[in-house]
Amino acid sequence: MLQAVMEAPVIVKVMAALAIILLVSRFCRHLIVSIAVGAVVLALWAGYPLAGAASIAWGAIISLDTILLAIIVLQVIWLSSVMTAGGVMDDLVGAVRSRVSQRGSMAVLPAVIGLLPMPGGALFSAPLVDSCDVNGDVSAALKTQTNHWFRHIWEYWWPLAAGVLLAVDIAGLEIWQFMALQAPFTLFAVGAGYWFLLRRIEQPHSGPTMEKDDGAPHFLSLVLPIVLVIGTYAVVKIAHAGLEARWGEAVPALHRYVPMMIGLVVALLALQVQRPLGVQKWKEILLSRRAFMMAAIVVVVRIYGAFIEGELPNGVLLVDQMRQEMARWGIPMVAIMMALPFISGFATGLSVAFVGASFPIVINLLGSNPAAGELLPTVLLAYAFGYVGVIISPVHVCLVVASEHFGTHLLENLVALLKPSAAVLMVAFMGYHVVGWLL
């Protein structure tokens, strides 16, 4: 019996580990514990020896990716806290609420923050969504779900998203081709989010909007921190590309998280100039226990991801093993194009991870030099399924930290997100056939 369990397909092991994370999180209020339990179960069940598992976990902890990602999460929380302490959050909510309803505000604010492709960005928009609930009538779970869904409506095509850039590179497309192919998904995501989430938010009886105050700070000045992060990100990337073109390999490589880190520092400095805070307030913000707890959760998520991305004891990558199992079971190619990206996204919670793990396999299934009529619909299908897998992943950093912020159950949030996610997947499946027919 034990041997049969240990020899179960890798897909079964991965999905069971995710189920354990959800189950533990249902009864344990500390998400860091549930994810850690899931990581341990996956590592031992996949057959990693204890020493090997410990080595992989330690490697994930000290990796530059993990360290910089944890720093970015700290910066995001610090920026959010500084904006709150300086009154920017209240003014921003007021500016939006004076123009749109409470229901609309809870979608618009996370969508604006969503233009900033930062890890854990839903944590940044969470306080804004919370502030829109002036009478406390909206459940914490619904705020979590709305915040998470509308925070991610852009990354089907947004060119600053790392997953998009990697997908464009692997598929061999021009960025404009990918954007034109995927941009309609934002509209579908908005529609699905409205139908399944926003409609459940009742308008407050005291009036849907605030009176417009012409003396209030201009909206652009309120979103200046976001503009600065995006602008700095673009400037750093362009400047580095220019230096590489001029001096080639003499220019050090630029880590993908560094431009975002620089942008967040610039935004923090600009806020201090715009709305200065005292030393004591800065000390409270920088040493916040909540901020470091969120960073710790991110580290545990990365440890889990290291086991997903790692090489099994038999020398085969875990994702490759899943692909081999699907092929051995006789799963049709179009099903593999949907299932492999979706499972990769669901198991990792990262766009870059699902693209890197599944796109080389999916694209290679088409053979060398595939025609546009094969390549474009395949990219549309694979990216949409993979990204939806990321959105509803129980180890998606945004969903984990937003659930922690609102004090809601991870499983409850995932169940609520299944309907809008299914709607987007249905559109993707239909789009695959329509684009293939048109081309």
Protein backbone atom coordinates (compact mmCIF):
# COMPACT_ATOMS: atom_id res chain seq x y z
CA MET A 1 0.00 0.00 0.00
CA LEU A 2 2.72 2.44 1.00
CA GLN A 3 4.69 1.59 -2.12
CA ALA A 4 1.65 2.24 -4.32
CA VAL A 5 1.17 5.63 -2.69
CA MET A 6 4.83 6.55 -3.15
CA GLU A 7 4.68 5.49 -6.82
CA ALA A 8 1.61 7.64 -7.59
CA PRO A 9 1.91 9.90 -10.65
CA VAL A 10 3.67 13.22 -10.07
CA ILE A 11 0.51 15.10 -11.04
CA VAL A 12 -1.35 13.35 -8.21
CA LYS A 13 1.39 14.27 -5.75
CA VAL A 14 1.40 17.94 -6.78
CA MET A 15 -2.39 18.28 -6.64
CA ALA A 16 -2.54 16.43 -3.31
CA ALA A 17 0.08 18.77 -1.81
CA LEU A 18 -2.01 21.77 -2.93
CA ALA A 19 -5.13 20.18 -1.42
CA ILE A 20 -3.26 19.76 1.86
CA ILE A 21 -2.29 23.45 1.81
CA LEU A 22 -5.96 24.39 1.37
CA LEU A 23 -7.11 21.95 4.03
CA VAL A 24 -4.58 23.09 6.63
CA SER A 25 -5.29 26.77 5.87
CA ARG A 26 -8.99 26.10 6.49
CA PHE A 27 -8.29 25.16 10.11
CA CYS A 28 -5.10 27.13 10.76
CA ARG A 29 -5.10 30.92 10.68
CA HIS A 30 -1.40 31.07 9.83
CA LEU A 31 -0.88 30.66 6.09
CA ILE A 32 2.86 30.31 6.56
CA VAL A 33 2.18 27.03 8.42
CA SER A 34 -0.15 25.60 5.77
CA ILE A 35 2.24 26.35 2.90
CA ALA A 36 5.18 24.95 4.84
CA VAL A 37 3.23 21.72 5.50
CA GLY A 38 2.37 21.44 1.80
CA ALA A 39 6.01 21.95 0.82
CA VAL A 40 7.19 19.24 3.23
CA VAL A 41 4.55 16.77 1.99
CA LEU A 42 5.44 17.43 -1.65
CA ALA A 43 9.19 17.10 -1.03
CA LEU A 44 8.94 13.82 0.86
CA TRP A 45 6.25 12.30 -1.39
CA ALA A 46 8.15 13.23 -4.55
CA GLY A 47 11.04 11.14 -3.21
CA TYR A 48 13.57 13.80 -2.28
CA PRO A 49 15.92 12.50 0.43
CA LEU A 50 15.91 14.56 3.62
CA ALA A 51 19.36 15.98 2.94
CA GLY A 52 18.40 16.80 -0.64
CA ALA A 53 15.14 18.44 0.41
CA ALA A 54 16.95 20.51 3.03
CA SER A 55 19.52 21.56 0.44
CA ILE A 56 16.80 22.63 -2.01
CA ALA A 57 14.97 24.57 0.72
CA TRP A 58 18.13 26.34 1.86
CA GLY A 59 19.05 27.12 -1.74
CA ALA A 60 15.64 28.73 -2.23
CA ILE A 61 16.04 30.80 0.95
CA ILE A 62 19.44 32.22 0.03
CA SER A 63 18.78 32.62 -3.69
CA LEU A 64 18.97 36.14 -5.05
CA ASP A 65 15.45 35.80 -6.47
CA THR A 66 13.97 35.03 -3.06
CA ILE A 67 15.92 37.73 -1.24
CA LEU A 68 15.00 40.44 -3.74
CA LEU A 69 11.38 39.28 -3.88
CA ALA A 70 11.14 39.48 -0.07
CA ILE A 71 12.66 42.97 -0.18
CA ILE A 72 10.12 44.07 -2.78
CA VAL A 73 7.26 42.80 -0.60
CA LEU A 74 8.70 44.79 2.31
CA GLN A 75 8.95 47.87 0.07
CA VAL A 76 5.36 47.43 -1.12
CA ILE A 77 4.08 47.29 2.46
CA TRP A 78 6.25 50.26 3.45
CA LEU A 79 4.97 52.29 0.49
CA SER A 80 1.38 51.41 1.34
CA SER A 81 1.97 52.33 5.00
CA VAL A 82 3.63 55.65 4.11
CA MET A 83 0.76 56.52 1.77
CA THR A 84 -1.69 55.70 4.54
CA ALA A 85 0.19 57.66 7.20
CA GLY A 86 0.52 60.66 4.88
CA GLY A 87 -3.18 60.67 4.05
CA VAL A 88 -2.63 59.77 0.38
CA MET A 89 -4.71 56.60 0.65
CA ASP A 90 -7.71 58.47 2.06
CA ASP A 91 -7.42 61.19 -0.56
CA LEU A 92 -7.07 58.63 -3.37
CA VAL A 93 -10.13 56.72 -2.22
CA GLY A 94 -12.02 60.00 -1.90
CA ALA A 95 -10.99 61.09 -5.41
CA VAL A 96 -12.20 57.83 -6.92
CA ARG A 97 -15.34 57.63 -4.76
CA SER A 98 -16.31 61.16 -5.79
CA ARG A 99 -16.48 59.99 -9.39
CA VAL A 100 -17.64 56.39 -9.25
CA SER A 101 -19.79 54.29 -6.93
CA GLN A 102 -18.52 52.20 -4.03
CA ARG A 103 -18.88 49.13 -6.22
CA GLY A 104 -16.91 50.74 -9.03
CA SER A 105 -14.24 51.99 -6.64
CA MET A 106 -13.54 48.48 -5.42
CA ALA A 107 -12.71 47.50 -8.99
CA VAL A 108 -11.01 50.67 -10.24
CA LEU A 109 -8.50 51.02 -7.39
CA PRO A 110 -6.98 47.51 -7.60
CA ALA A 111 -7.02 47.81 -11.40
CA VAL A 112 -4.96 51.01 -11.19
CA ILE A 113 -2.50 49.30 -8.85
CA GLY A 114 -2.51 46.33 -11.24
CA LEU A 115 -0.68 48.42 -13.82
CA LEU A 116 2.27 48.05 -11.47
CA PRO A 117 3.60 44.50 -12.02
CA MET A 118 4.98 44.04 -8.53
CA PRO A 119 5.00 40.78 -6.56
CA GLY A 120 2.32 40.83 -3.90
CA GLY A 121 0.76 43.95 -5.44
CA ALA A 122 -2.69 42.94 -4.24
CA LEU A 123 -1.43 43.72 -0.75
CA PHE A 124 -0.85 47.32 -1.89
CA SER A 125 -4.41 47.73 -3.16
CA ALA A 126 -6.03 45.87 -0.25
CA PRO A 127 -6.11 48.89 2.12
CA LEU A 128 -7.63 50.99 -0.68
CA VAL A 129 -10.41 48.48 -1.24
CA ASP A 130 -10.97 48.27 2.50
CA SER A 131 -11.29 52.06 2.72
CA CYS A 132 -14.02 52.05 0.05
CA ASP A 133 -16.31 50.11 2.38
CA VAL A 134 -17.42 53.21 4.25
CA ASN A 135 -20.22 51.50 6.22
CA GLY A 136 -18.55 48.14 6.72
CA ASP A 137 -21.32 46.39 4.76
CA VAL A 138 -19.10 44.32 2.43
CA SER A 139 -17.77 41.00 3.72
CA ALA A 140 -14.03 40.63 4.12
CA ALA A 141 -14.11 37.61 1.79
CA LEU A 142 -15.79 39.53 -1.03
CA LYS A 143 -13.30 42.39 -0.64
CA THR A 144 -10.43 39.89 -0.83
CA GLN A 145 -11.83 38.28 -3.98
CA THR A 146 -12.65 41.56 -5.72
CA ASN A 147 -9.27 43.03 -4.88
CA HIS A 148 -7.44 39.94 -6.16
CA TRP A 149 -9.43 39.55 -9.37
CA PHE A 150 -9.31 43.17 -10.58
CA ARG A 151 -5.66 43.54 -9.57
CA HIS A 152 -4.88 40.93 -12.26
CA ILE A 153 -6.97 41.99 -15.24
CA TRP A 154 -4.01 43.44 -17.18
CA GLU A 155 -1.38 40.72 -17.10
CA TYR A 156 -2.88 38.76 -19.97
CA TRP A 157 -1.00 41.20 -22.22
CA TRP A 158 0.61 44.05 -20.19
CA PRO A 159 4.16 44.46 -21.62
CA LEU A 160 5.74 45.24 -18.24
CA ALA A 161 4.70 41.83 -16.89
CA ALA A 162 7.65 39.41 -16.81
CA GLY A 163 5.49 36.44 -17.82
CA VAL A 164 4.34 38.26 -20.94
CA LEU A 165 7.89 39.14 -21.96
CA LEU A 166 9.06 35.55 -21.45
CA ALA A 167 6.11 34.16 -23.41
CA VAL A 168 6.83 36.53 -26.31
CA ASP A 169 10.46 35.46 -26.32
CA ILE A 170 9.77 31.69 -26.23
CA ALA A 171 6.97 31.88 -28.83
CA GLY A 172 9.09 34.04 -31.13
CA LEU A 173 6.38 36.68 -31.52
CA GLU A 174 6.56 40.44 -31.74
CA ILE A 175 5.28 42.15 -28.61
CA TRP A 176 2.51 43.88 -30.57
CA GLN A 177 1.29 40.52 -31.89
CA PHE A 178 1.03 39.10 -28.41
CA MET A 179 -0.69 42.23 -27.07
CA ALA A 180 -3.25 42.26 -29.90
CA LEU A 181 -3.91 38.55 -29.36
CA GLN A 182 -4.33 38.71 -25.59
CA ALA A 183 -5.72 42.21 -24.89
CA PRO A 184 -9.40 41.18 -25.29
CA PHE A 185 -8.99 38.97 -22.23
CA THR A 186 -8.88 42.08 -20.05
CA LEU A 187 -12.39 42.97 -21.24
CA PHE A 188 -13.60 39.42 -20.63
CA ALA A 189 -12.01 39.43 -17.16
CA VAL A 190 -13.74 42.72 -16.30
CA GLY A 191 -17.07 41.33 -17.46
CA ALA A 192 -16.65 38.10 -15.51
CA GLY A 193 -15.50 40.01 -12.43
CA TYR A 194 -18.54 42.26 -12.59
CA TRP A 195 -21.01 39.43 -13.09
CA PHE A 196 -19.70 37.09 -10.40
CA LEU A 197 -18.19 39.51 -7.86
CA LEU A 198 -19.08 43.19 -8.18
CA ARG A 199 -22.81 42.56 -8.51
CA ARG A 200 -22.76 41.09 -5.01
CA ILE A 201 -21.57 44.41 -3.55
CA GLU A 202 -24.58 46.47 -2.53
CA GLN A 203 -24.48 50.23 -2.77
CA PRO A 204 -24.55 51.97 0.64
CA HIS A 205 -27.87 53.55 1.57
CA SER A 206 -26.12 56.77 2.57
CA GLY A 207 -25.33 57.52 -1.06
CA PRO A 208 -23.11 55.86 -3.64
CA THR A 209 -20.52 58.57 -3.97
CA MET A 210 -18.90 61.39 -2.12
CA GLU A 211 -19.42 64.97 -3.17
CA LYS A 212 -16.73 66.18 -5.50
CA ASP A 213 -14.31 68.51 -3.78
CA ASP A 214 -12.60 70.80 -6.28
CA GLY A 215 -10.09 71.73 -3.60
CA ALA A 216 -8.97 68.13 -3.16
CA PRO A 217 -5.54 67.08 -4.38
CA HIS A 218 -5.41 66.35 -8.09
CA PHE A 219 -5.82 62.68 -8.95
CA LEU A 220 -2.48 62.55 -10.78
CA SER A 221 -0.65 63.80 -7.70
CA LEU A 222 -2.26 61.04 -5.67
CA VAL A 223 -1.18 58.27 -8.05
CA LEU A 224 2.28 59.82 -8.40
CA PRO A 225 3.93 56.99 -6.41
CA ILE A 226 2.51 54.44 -8.85
CA VAL A 227 3.51 56.53 -11.86
CA LEU A 228 7.01 56.91 -10.46
CA VAL A 229 7.43 53.17 -9.94
CA ILE A 230 6.26 52.34 -13.48
CA GLY A 231 8.22 55.23 -15.00
CA THR A 232 11.42 54.40 -13.12
CA TYR A 233 11.01 50.74 -14.08
CA ALA A 234 10.79 51.69 -17.76
CA VAL A 235 13.68 54.17 -17.59
CA VAL A 236 16.00 51.70 -15.85
CA LYS A 237 15.17 48.95 -18.37
CA ILE A 238 15.67 51.26 -21.35
CA ALA A 239 18.90 52.72 -19.94
CA HIS A 240 20.32 49.26 -19.27
CA ALA A 241 19.40 48.10 -22.79
CA GLY A 242 21.16 51.17 -24.20
CA LEU A 243 24.29 50.48 -22.17
CA GLU A 244 24.29 46.85 -23.33
CA ALA A 245 23.96 47.96 -26.94
CA ARG A 246 26.93 50.31 -26.47
CA TRP A 247 29.31 48.19 -24.38
CA GLY A 248 27.92 44.66 -24.69
CA GLU A 249 29.03 42.07 -22.15
CA ALA A 250 31.01 44.66 -20.19
CA VAL A 251 27.69 45.83 -18.72
CA PRO A 252 26.59 43.67 -15.74
CA ALA A 253 23.30 41.79 -16.14
CA LEU A 254 20.24 43.51 -14.65
CA HIS A 255 18.19 41.33 -12.34
CA ARG A 256 14.48 41.41 -13.22
CA TYR A 257 13.49 42.68 -9.75
CA VAL A 258 16.03 45.51 -9.55
CA PRO A 259 14.14 48.08 -11.71
CA MET A 260 11.06 47.59 -9.52
CA MET A 261 13.11 47.98 -6.34
CA ILE A 262 14.62 51.21 -7.61
CA GLY A 263 11.17 52.47 -8.58
CA LEU A 264 9.80 51.75 -5.12
CA VAL A 265 12.70 53.61 -3.48
CA VAL A 266 12.08 56.61 -5.76
CA ALA A 267 8.38 56.54 -4.86
CA LEU A 268 9.16 56.41 -1.12
CA LEU A 269 11.53 59.37 -1.41
CA ALA A 270 9.01 61.36 -3.45
CA LEU A 271 6.32 60.70 -0.84
CA GLN A 272 8.61 61.95 1.92
CA VAL A 273 9.06 65.18 -0.02
CA GLN A 274 5.37 65.43 -0.89
CA ARG A 275 4.00 64.53 2.56
CA PRO A 276 6.86 64.30 5.07
CA LEU A 277 6.69 61.96 8.06
CA GLY A 278 8.66 62.15 11.29
CA VAL A 279 11.49 59.82 12.33
CA GLN A 280 9.32 57.96 14.85
CA LYS A 281 6.65 57.24 12.24
CA TRP A 282 9.26 55.96 9.78
CA LYS A 283 10.68 53.70 12.50
CA GLU A 284 7.24 52.20 13.16
CA ILE A 285 6.68 51.59 9.46
CA LEU A 286 10.10 50.10 8.69
CA LEU A 287 10.05 47.77 11.71
CA SER A 288 6.45 46.63 11.27
CA ARG A 289 5.96 43.02 12.37
CA ARG A 290 3.26 42.58 9.70
CA ALA A 291 5.68 43.55 6.95
CA PHE A 292 8.28 41.00 7.98
CA MET A 293 5.62 38.31 8.43
CA MET A 294 4.48 38.90 4.85
CA ALA A 295 8.08 38.64 3.64
CA ALA A 296 8.42 35.36 5.55
CA ILE A 297 5.32 33.98 3.81
CA VAL A 298 6.91 34.85 0.46
CA VAL A 299 10.06 32.95 1.41
CA VAL A 300 8.01 29.85 2.28
CA VAL A 301 6.15 30.13 -1.04
CA ARG A 302 9.50 30.23 -2.85
CA ILE A 303 10.66 27.10 -0.99
CA TYR A 304 7.54 25.33 -2.20
CA GLY A 305 8.21 26.61 -5.72
CA ALA A 306 11.76 25.27 -5.59
CA PHE A 307 10.42 21.73 -5.14
CA ILE A 308 8.03 22.22 -8.08
CA GLU A 309 10.84 23.54 -10.30
CA GLY A 310 13.43 21.06 -9.04
CA GLU A 311 14.96 17.92 -10.44
CA LEU A 312 13.52 14.69 -9.09
CA PRO A 313 15.84 12.01 -7.66
CA ASN A 314 15.63 10.16 -11.01
CA GLY A 315 17.22 13.16 -12.73
CA VAL A 316 14.04 14.34 -14.48
CA LEU A 317 12.49 17.76 -13.88
CA LEU A 318 9.16 17.50 -12.08
CA VAL A 319 7.33 19.42 -14.85
CA ASP A 320 8.87 17.19 -17.52
CA GLN A 321 7.68 14.18 -15.57
CA MET A 322 4.14 15.56 -15.64
CA ARG A 323 4.35 16.02 -19.42
CA GLN A 324 5.60 12.47 -19.89
CA GLU A 325 2.73 11.16 -17.79
CA MET A 326 0.17 13.03 -19.88
CA ALA A 327 1.67 11.71 -23.11
CA ARG A 328 1.73 8.15 -21.72
CA TRP A 329 -1.95 8.43 -20.79
CA GLY A 330 -2.81 9.35 -24.38
CA ILE A 331 -4.08 12.85 -23.60
CA PRO A 332 -4.83 14.77 -26.87
CA MET A 333 -2.38 17.52 -27.83
CA VAL A 334 -4.91 20.34 -27.41
CA ALA A 335 -5.66 19.06 -23.91
CA ILE A 336 -1.94 19.11 -23.07
CA MET A 337 -1.79 22.71 -24.36
CA MET A 338 -4.46 23.59 -21.82
CA ALA A 339 -3.59 21.28 -18.93
CA LEU A 340 0.19 21.68 -18.72
CA PRO A 341 0.22 25.51 -18.47
CA PHE A 342 -2.79 25.44 -16.12
CA ILE A 343 -1.27 22.86 -13.78
CA SER A 344 2.10 24.67 -13.89
CA GLY A 345 0.41 27.98 -13.04
CA PHE A 346 -1.78 26.42 -10.35
CA ALA A 347 1.18 24.65 -8.78
CA THR A 348 3.59 27.61 -8.79
CA GLY A 349 1.39 30.73 -8.57
CA LEU A 350 3.87 32.58 -10.79
CA SER A 351 3.46 33.70 -14.41
CA VAL A 352 7.16 33.44 -15.14
CA ALA A 353 7.23 29.93 -13.69
CA PHE A 354 4.30 28.58 -15.71
CA VAL A 355 5.61 30.15 -18.92
CA GLY A 356 9.13 28.90 -18.34
CA ALA A 357 7.96 25.42 -17.38
CA SER A 358 5.26 24.83 -20.00
CA PHE A 359 5.78 27.09 -23.03
CA PRO A 360 8.95 25.39 -24.35
CA ILE A 361 7.03 22.09 -24.27
CA VAL A 362 3.79 23.48 -25.73
CA ILE A 363 5.52 25.38 -28.54
CA ASN A 364 7.71 22.40 -29.41
CA LEU A 365 4.61 20.24 -29.78
CA LEU A 366 3.85 22.27 -32.91
CA GLY A 367 7.12 21.24 -34.56
CA SER A 368 9.71 23.54 -36.11
CA ASN A 369 8.60 26.79 -37.75
CA PRO A 370 4.85 26.43 -37.10
CA ALA A 371 2.49 28.47 -39.25
CA ALA A 372 0.76 31.51 -37.75
CA GLY A 373 -2.53 29.62 -37.93
CA GLU A 374 -1.11 27.10 -35.47
CA LEU A 375 1.19 29.26 -33.35
CA LEU A 376 -1.10 32.18 -32.51
CA PRO A 377 -4.13 30.20 -31.33
CA THR A 378 -1.84 27.88 -29.34
CA VAL A 379 -0.20 30.84 -27.58
CA LEU A 380 -3.63 32.34 -26.85
CA LEU A 381 -4.91 29.08 -25.36
CA ALA A 382 -1.78 28.16 -23.39
CA TYR A 383 -1.18 31.60 -21.87
CA ALA A 384 -4.82 32.12 -20.86
CA PHE A 385 -5.05 28.70 -19.20
CA GLY A 386 -1.69 29.14 -17.48
CA TYR A 387 -2.48 32.62 -16.21
CA VAL A 388 -5.90 31.62 -14.86
CA GLY A 389 -4.10 28.78 -13.08
CA VAL A 390 -1.85 31.41 -11.50
CA ILE A 391 -4.81 33.57 -10.43
CA ILE A 392 -6.53 30.72 -8.55
CA SER A 393 -3.36 29.12 -7.22
CA PRO A 394 -3.31 28.61 -3.43
CA VAL A 395 0.37 29.61 -3.47
CA HIS A 396 -0.12 32.82 -5.46
CA VAL A 397 1.64 35.44 -3.35
CA CYS A 398 -1.01 38.08 -4.02
CA LEU A 399 -3.87 35.84 -2.93
CA VAL A 400 -2.00 34.55 0.09
CA VAL A 401 -1.04 37.97 1.44
CA ALA A 402 -4.43 39.53 0.59
CA SER A 403 -6.20 36.70 2.42
CA GLU A 404 -3.90 37.33 5.37
CA HIS A 405 -4.58 41.08 5.24
CA PHE A 406 -8.38 40.70 5.28
CA GLY A 407 -8.29 37.73 7.67
CA THR A 408 -10.18 35.45 5.26
CA HIS A 409 -9.95 31.75 4.41
CA LEU A 410 -7.86 30.86 1.36
CA LEU A 411 -10.18 28.01 0.34
CA GLU A 412 -13.29 30.20 0.50
CA ASN A 413 -11.63 32.78 -1.74
CA LEU A 414 -10.53 30.17 -4.26
CA VAL A 415 -14.01 28.67 -4.51
CA ALA A 416 -15.51 32.11 -5.18
CA LEU A 417 -12.94 32.79 -7.93
CA LEU A 418 -13.73 29.56 -9.79
CA LYS A 419 -16.77 30.95 -11.63
CA PRO A 420 -15.13 34.04 -13.19
CA SER A 421 -12.06 31.92 -13.93
CA ALA A 422 -14.17 29.29 -15.69
CA ALA A 423 -15.78 32.04 -17.79
CA VAL A 424 -12.37 33.28 -18.96
CA LEU A 425 -11.26 29.72 -19.75
CA MET A 426 -14.38 29.14 -21.86
CA VAL A 427 -13.62 32.30 -23.82
CA ALA A 428 -10.02 31.13 -24.29
CA PHE A 429 -11.15 27.76 -25.64
CA MET A 430 -13.55 29.43 -28.08
CA GLY A 431 -10.89 31.98 -29.02
CA TYR A 432 -8.46 29.17 -29.84
CA HIS A 433 -10.86 27.79 -32.44
CA VAL A 434 -11.92 31.22 -33.79
CA VAL A 435 -8.35 32.48 -34.28
CA GLY A 436 -7.33 29.17 -35.85
CA TRP A 437 -10.29 29.39 -38.24
CA LEU A 438 -9.56 33.02 -39.16
CA LEU A 439 -5.88 32.30 -39.86
